[in-house]
Structures are given as C-alpha cells and as structure tokens.
Amino acid sequence: MDDGGMPWATARAVGDRGEDLVCTYLEGLGWAVLDRNWRCPDGELDVVARDGEQLVFCEVKTRRSTRFGEPVEAVGRDKAHRLRRLAWAWLEAHGQRGAAFRIDVVGLLSPPDGPPRLTHLQAVA
C-alpha cells in the first residue's frame, strides 16, 4: 500500500491496524474470523471469515485520507477476479472445494486526526 509516499513500514502499520479493526468489526457482527493474511504463490487474502454457513473472503483497504479516492474504490474488476482465484485456492488448500462463499470489500478510512470510518461492501465478486 502506498499513501502518497508514505514509508513502507508506516504503510504496513496502517494496514495492520486496519485489519485488526476490521476483524473486531466482523466479530462484532457475530462472524468467526478463520484466517488472516493467508498467502499462496498467487497472492494474499486479508481475512477469511464465516458468516453463518457462508465463507466470506474479505479484502481490506485502509487509507489515511481520500487523496486517491475512497478505500473501497481500490478494488476494481481485475482485483475482484484475482480475489476469486485466491478464494478458490484457499478452498482447495483447506479441503473445502465447492463450498459456498462470497467476496466482500471492507474499506477503512483512518485519518490521523479523527475517528476511523468503515465501509463494508458485500458480495462484490
């Protein structure tokens, strides 16, 4: 993540904090967080959770400002297709091939001088 020249370590810390807040939010909805930052050769899934009987693969986008748009706007068609491929890889790796799932995007705007604002888009891909 790059927020206009933000040093990598700072950007990583912002992203990690955002993922922590999103996991707390999802657990508050009654969801079970199953996996975080799952990696395979094709990429990384930020959060894998269970919403009732459905698996949800959440892409988390955290930004400190809207300088480059709203955080959720960072997930376009190509990224959504990539997330779907990563979801299939996770299912395969966890012996759950064919399980029902959806892809959500959770954007977190976390300005340094104000409270965070969360936007949750369900079933984007």
C-alpha atoms as a PDB file:
ATOM      1  CA  MET A   1       0.000   0.000   0.000  1.00  0.00           C
ATOM      2  CA  ASP A   2       1.298   3.415  -0.814  1.00  0.00           C
ATOM      3  CA  ASP A   3      -0.355   6.503   0.566  1.00  0.00           C
ATOM      4  CA  GLY A   4       1.416   9.238  -1.364  1.00  0.00           C
ATOM      5  CA  GLY A   5       4.992   8.451  -0.464  1.00  0.00           C
ATOM      6  CA  MET A   6       4.321   7.056   2.988  1.00  0.00           C
ATOM      7  CA  PRO A   7       7.283   4.930   4.093  1.00  0.00           C
ATOM      8  CA  TRP A   8       6.644   1.209   3.644  1.00  0.00           C
ATOM      9  CA  ALA A   9       6.874   0.370   7.369  1.00  0.00           C
ATOM     10  CA  THR A  10       4.338   3.091   8.200  1.00  0.00           C
ATOM     11  CA  ALA A  11       2.016   1.933   5.419  1.00  0.00           C
ATOM     12  CA  ARG A  12       2.265  -1.661   6.698  1.00  0.00           C
ATOM     13  CA  ALA A  13       1.431  -0.491  10.234  1.00  0.00           C
ATOM     14  CA  VAL A  14      -1.625   1.412   8.936  1.00  0.00           C
ATOM     15  CA  GLY A  15      -2.737  -1.705   7.033  1.00  0.00           C
ATOM     16  CA  ASP A  16      -2.214  -3.992  10.028  1.00  0.00           C
ATOM     17  CA  ARG A  17      -4.176  -1.653  12.294  1.00  0.00           C
ATOM     18  CA  GLY A  18      -6.956  -1.522   9.715  1.00  0.00           C
ATOM     19  CA  GLU A  19      -7.134  -5.312   9.514  1.00  0.00           C
ATOM     20  CA  ASP A  20      -7.262  -5.516  13.322  1.00  0.00           C
ATOM     21  CA  LEU A  21     -10.176  -3.051  13.411  1.00  0.00           C
ATOM     22  CA  VAL A  22     -11.985  -4.880  10.594  1.00  0.00           C
ATOM     23  CA  CYS A  23     -11.615  -8.242  12.373  1.00  0.00           C
ATOM     24  CA  THR A  24     -13.056  -6.691  15.545  1.00  0.00           C
ATOM     25  CA  TYR A  25     -15.934  -5.291  13.468  1.00  0.00           C
ATOM     26  CA  LEU A  26     -16.623  -8.679  11.822  1.00  0.00           C
ATOM     27  CA  GLU A  27     -16.528 -10.496  15.163  1.00  0.00           C
ATOM     28  CA  GLY A  28     -18.977  -7.874  16.458  1.00  0.00           C
ATOM     29  CA  LEU A  29     -21.333  -8.978  13.672  1.00  0.00           C
ATOM     30  CA  GLY A  30     -21.111 -12.495  15.063  1.00  0.00           C
ATOM     31  CA  TRP A  31     -18.763 -13.746  12.356  1.00  0.00           C
ATOM     32  CA  ALA A  32     -15.884 -16.120  13.075  1.00  0.00           C
ATOM     33  CA  VAL A  33     -12.514 -14.998  11.707  1.00  0.00           C
ATOM     34  CA  LEU A  34     -10.864 -18.164  10.347  1.00  0.00           C
ATOM     35  CA  ASP A  35      -7.693 -16.863   8.727  1.00  0.00           C
ATOM     36  CA  ARG A  36      -5.700 -13.666   8.266  1.00  0.00           C
ATOM     37  CA  ASN A  37      -3.079 -12.798   5.684  1.00  0.00           C
ATOM     38  CA  TRP A  38      -3.249 -16.229   4.040  1.00  0.00           C
ATOM     39  CA  ARG A  39      -0.647 -16.451   1.296  1.00  0.00           C
ATOM     40  CA  CYS A  40      -0.096 -18.675  -1.700  1.00  0.00           C
ATOM     41  CA  PRO A  41       2.045 -18.219  -4.824  1.00  0.00           C
ATOM     42  CA  ASP A  42      -0.768 -16.204  -6.465  1.00  0.00           C
ATOM     43  CA  GLY A  43      -1.183 -13.623  -3.708  1.00  0.00           C
ATOM     44  CA  GLU A  44      -2.703 -12.951  -0.312  1.00  0.00           C
ATOM     45  CA  LEU A  45      -6.163 -12.964   1.235  1.00  0.00           C
ATOM     46  CA  ASP A  46      -6.541 -10.401   4.015  1.00  0.00           C
ATOM     47  CA  VAL A  47      -9.321 -12.010   6.066  1.00  0.00           C
ATOM     48  CA  VAL A  48     -11.273 -15.245   5.744  1.00  0.00           C
ATOM     49  CA  ALA A  49     -14.377 -15.382   7.926  1.00  0.00           C
ATOM     50  CA  ARG A  50     -17.582 -17.346   8.372  1.00  0.00           C
ATOM     51  CA  ASP A  51     -20.917 -15.520   8.276  1.00  0.00           C
ATOM     52  CA  GLY A  52     -23.347 -18.199   9.395  1.00  0.00           C
ATOM     53  CA  GLU A  53     -22.873 -21.045   6.939  1.00  0.00           C
ATOM     54  CA  GLN A  54     -21.155 -18.944   4.282  1.00  0.00           C
ATOM     55  CA  LEU A  55     -17.438 -18.348   3.926  1.00  0.00           C
ATOM     56  CA  VAL A  56     -16.502 -14.741   3.272  1.00  0.00           C
ATOM     57  CA  PHE A  57     -13.198 -13.622   1.803  1.00  0.00           C
ATOM     58  CA  CYS A  58     -12.664 -10.001   2.831  1.00  0.00           C
ATOM     59  CA  GLU A  59     -10.327  -7.645   1.073  1.00  0.00           C
ATOM     60  CA  VAL A  60      -9.388  -4.879   3.500  1.00  0.00           C
ATOM     61  CA  LYS A  61      -8.339  -1.489   2.172  1.00  0.00           C
ATOM     62  CA  THR A  62      -7.135   1.034   4.727  1.00  0.00           C
ATOM     63  CA  ARG A  63      -6.249   4.602   3.882  1.00  0.00           C
ATOM     64  CA  ARG A  64      -5.409   7.660   5.961  1.00  0.00           C
ATOM     65  CA  SER A  65      -7.068  10.045   3.501  1.00  0.00           C
ATOM     66  CA  THR A  66      -9.245  10.107   0.392  1.00  0.00           C
ATOM     67  CA  ARG A  67      -6.441  11.695  -1.617  1.00  0.00           C
ATOM     68  CA  PHE A  68      -6.614   8.732  -4.028  1.00  0.00           C
ATOM     69  CA  GLY A  69     -10.351   8.083  -3.559  1.00  0.00           C
ATOM     70  CA  GLU A  70     -12.348   6.056  -1.100  1.00  0.00           C
ATOM     71  CA  PRO A  71     -10.566   2.913   0.117  1.00  0.00           C
ATOM     72  CA  VAL A  72     -13.133   0.539  -1.431  1.00  0.00           C
ATOM     73  CA  GLU A  73     -12.540   2.135  -4.848  1.00  0.00           C
ATOM     74  CA  ALA A  74      -9.119   0.451  -4.904  1.00  0.00           C
ATOM     75  CA  VAL A  75     -10.787  -2.870  -5.759  1.00  0.00           C
ATOM     76  CA  GLY A  76     -11.669  -2.907  -9.438  1.00  0.00           C
ATOM     77  CA  ARG A  77     -12.698  -5.704 -11.775  1.00  0.00           C
ATOM     78  CA  ASP A  78      -9.197  -7.160 -12.156  1.00  0.00           C
ATOM     79  CA  LYS A  79      -8.604  -7.233  -8.393  1.00  0.00           C
ATOM     80  CA  ALA A  80     -12.036  -8.817  -7.851  1.00  0.00           C
ATOM     81  CA  HIS A  81     -11.193 -11.605 -10.328  1.00  0.00           C
ATOM     82  CA  ARG A  82      -7.860 -12.159  -8.586  1.00  0.00           C
ATOM     83  CA  LEU A  83      -9.636 -12.379  -5.216  1.00  0.00           C
ATOM     84  CA  ARG A  84     -11.969 -15.028  -6.633  1.00  0.00           C
ATOM     85  CA  ARG A  85      -8.977 -17.088  -7.811  1.00  0.00           C
ATOM     86  CA  LEU A  86      -7.359 -16.731  -4.394  1.00  0.00           C
ATOM     87  CA  ALA A  87     -10.606 -17.816  -2.722  1.00  0.00           C
ATOM     88  CA  TRP A  88     -10.665 -20.969  -4.858  1.00  0.00           C
ATOM     89  CA  ALA A  89      -7.027 -21.628  -3.879  1.00  0.00           C
ATOM     90  CA  TRP A  90      -7.884 -21.215  -0.175  1.00  0.00           C
ATOM     91  CA  LEU A  91     -10.833 -23.595  -0.509  1.00  0.00           C
ATOM     92  CA  GLU A  92      -8.643 -26.162  -2.243  1.00  0.00           C
ATOM     93  CA  ALA A  93      -5.882 -25.826   0.370  1.00  0.00           C
ATOM     94  CA  HIS A  94      -8.387 -26.272   3.205  1.00  0.00           C
ATOM     95  CA  GLY A  95     -10.314 -29.216   1.732  1.00  0.00           C
ATOM     96  CA  GLN A  96     -13.456 -27.155   1.150  1.00  0.00           C
ATOM     97  CA  ARG A  97     -13.646 -27.217  -2.620  1.00  0.00           C
ATOM     98  CA  GLY A  98     -17.176 -26.367  -3.743  1.00  0.00           C
ATOM     99  CA  ALA A  99     -18.142 -24.556  -0.530  1.00  0.00           C
ATOM    100  CA  ALA A 100     -20.436 -21.544  -0.838  1.00  0.00           C
ATOM    101  CA  PHE A 101     -18.567 -18.255  -0.495  1.00  0.00           C
ATOM    102  CA  ARG A 102     -18.660 -14.599  -1.308  1.00  0.00           C
ATOM    103  CA  ILE A 103     -16.125 -11.807  -1.621  1.00  0.00           C
ATOM    104  CA  ASP A 104     -16.572  -8.647   0.453  1.00  0.00           C
ATOM    105  CA  VAL A 105     -14.547  -5.456   0.459  1.00  0.00           C
ATOM    106  CA  VAL A 106     -14.131  -3.536   3.682  1.00  0.00           C
ATOM    107  CA  GLY A 107     -12.711  -0.051   3.388  1.00  0.00           C
ATOM    108  CA  LEU A 108     -11.395   1.770   6.398  1.00  0.00           C
ATOM    109  CA  LEU A 109     -10.655   5.472   6.266  1.00  0.00           C
ATOM    110  CA  SER A 110      -8.437   6.131   9.274  1.00  0.00           C
ATOM    111  CA  PRO A 111      -7.281   9.755   9.288  1.00  0.00           C
ATOM    112  CA  PRO A 112      -4.559  10.648  11.778  1.00  0.00           C
ATOM    113  CA  ASP A 113      -6.732  13.416  13.263  1.00  0.00           C
ATOM    114  CA  GLY A 114     -10.140  11.741  13.519  1.00  0.00           C
ATOM    115  CA  PRO A 115     -12.095   8.571  14.139  1.00  0.00           C
ATOM    116  CA  PRO A 116     -11.997   5.745  11.583  1.00  0.00           C
ATOM    117  CA  ARG A 117     -14.877   5.311   9.134  1.00  0.00           C
ATOM    118  CA  LEU A 118     -15.694   1.840   7.855  1.00  0.00           C
ATOM    119  CA  THR A 119     -17.488   0.928   4.607  1.00  0.00           C
ATOM    120  CA  HIS A 120     -18.494  -2.710   4.057  1.00  0.00           C
ATOM    121  CA  LEU A 121     -19.492  -3.849   0.562  1.00  0.00           C
ATOM    122  CA  GLN A 122     -20.859  -7.387   0.395  1.00  0.00           C
ATOM    123  CA  ALA A 123     -20.708  -9.826  -2.492  1.00  0.00           C
ATOM    124  CA  VAL A 124     -18.616  -7.670  -4.817  1.00  0.00           C
ATOM    125  CA  ALA A 125     -17.372 -10.588  -6.919  1.00  0.00           C
END
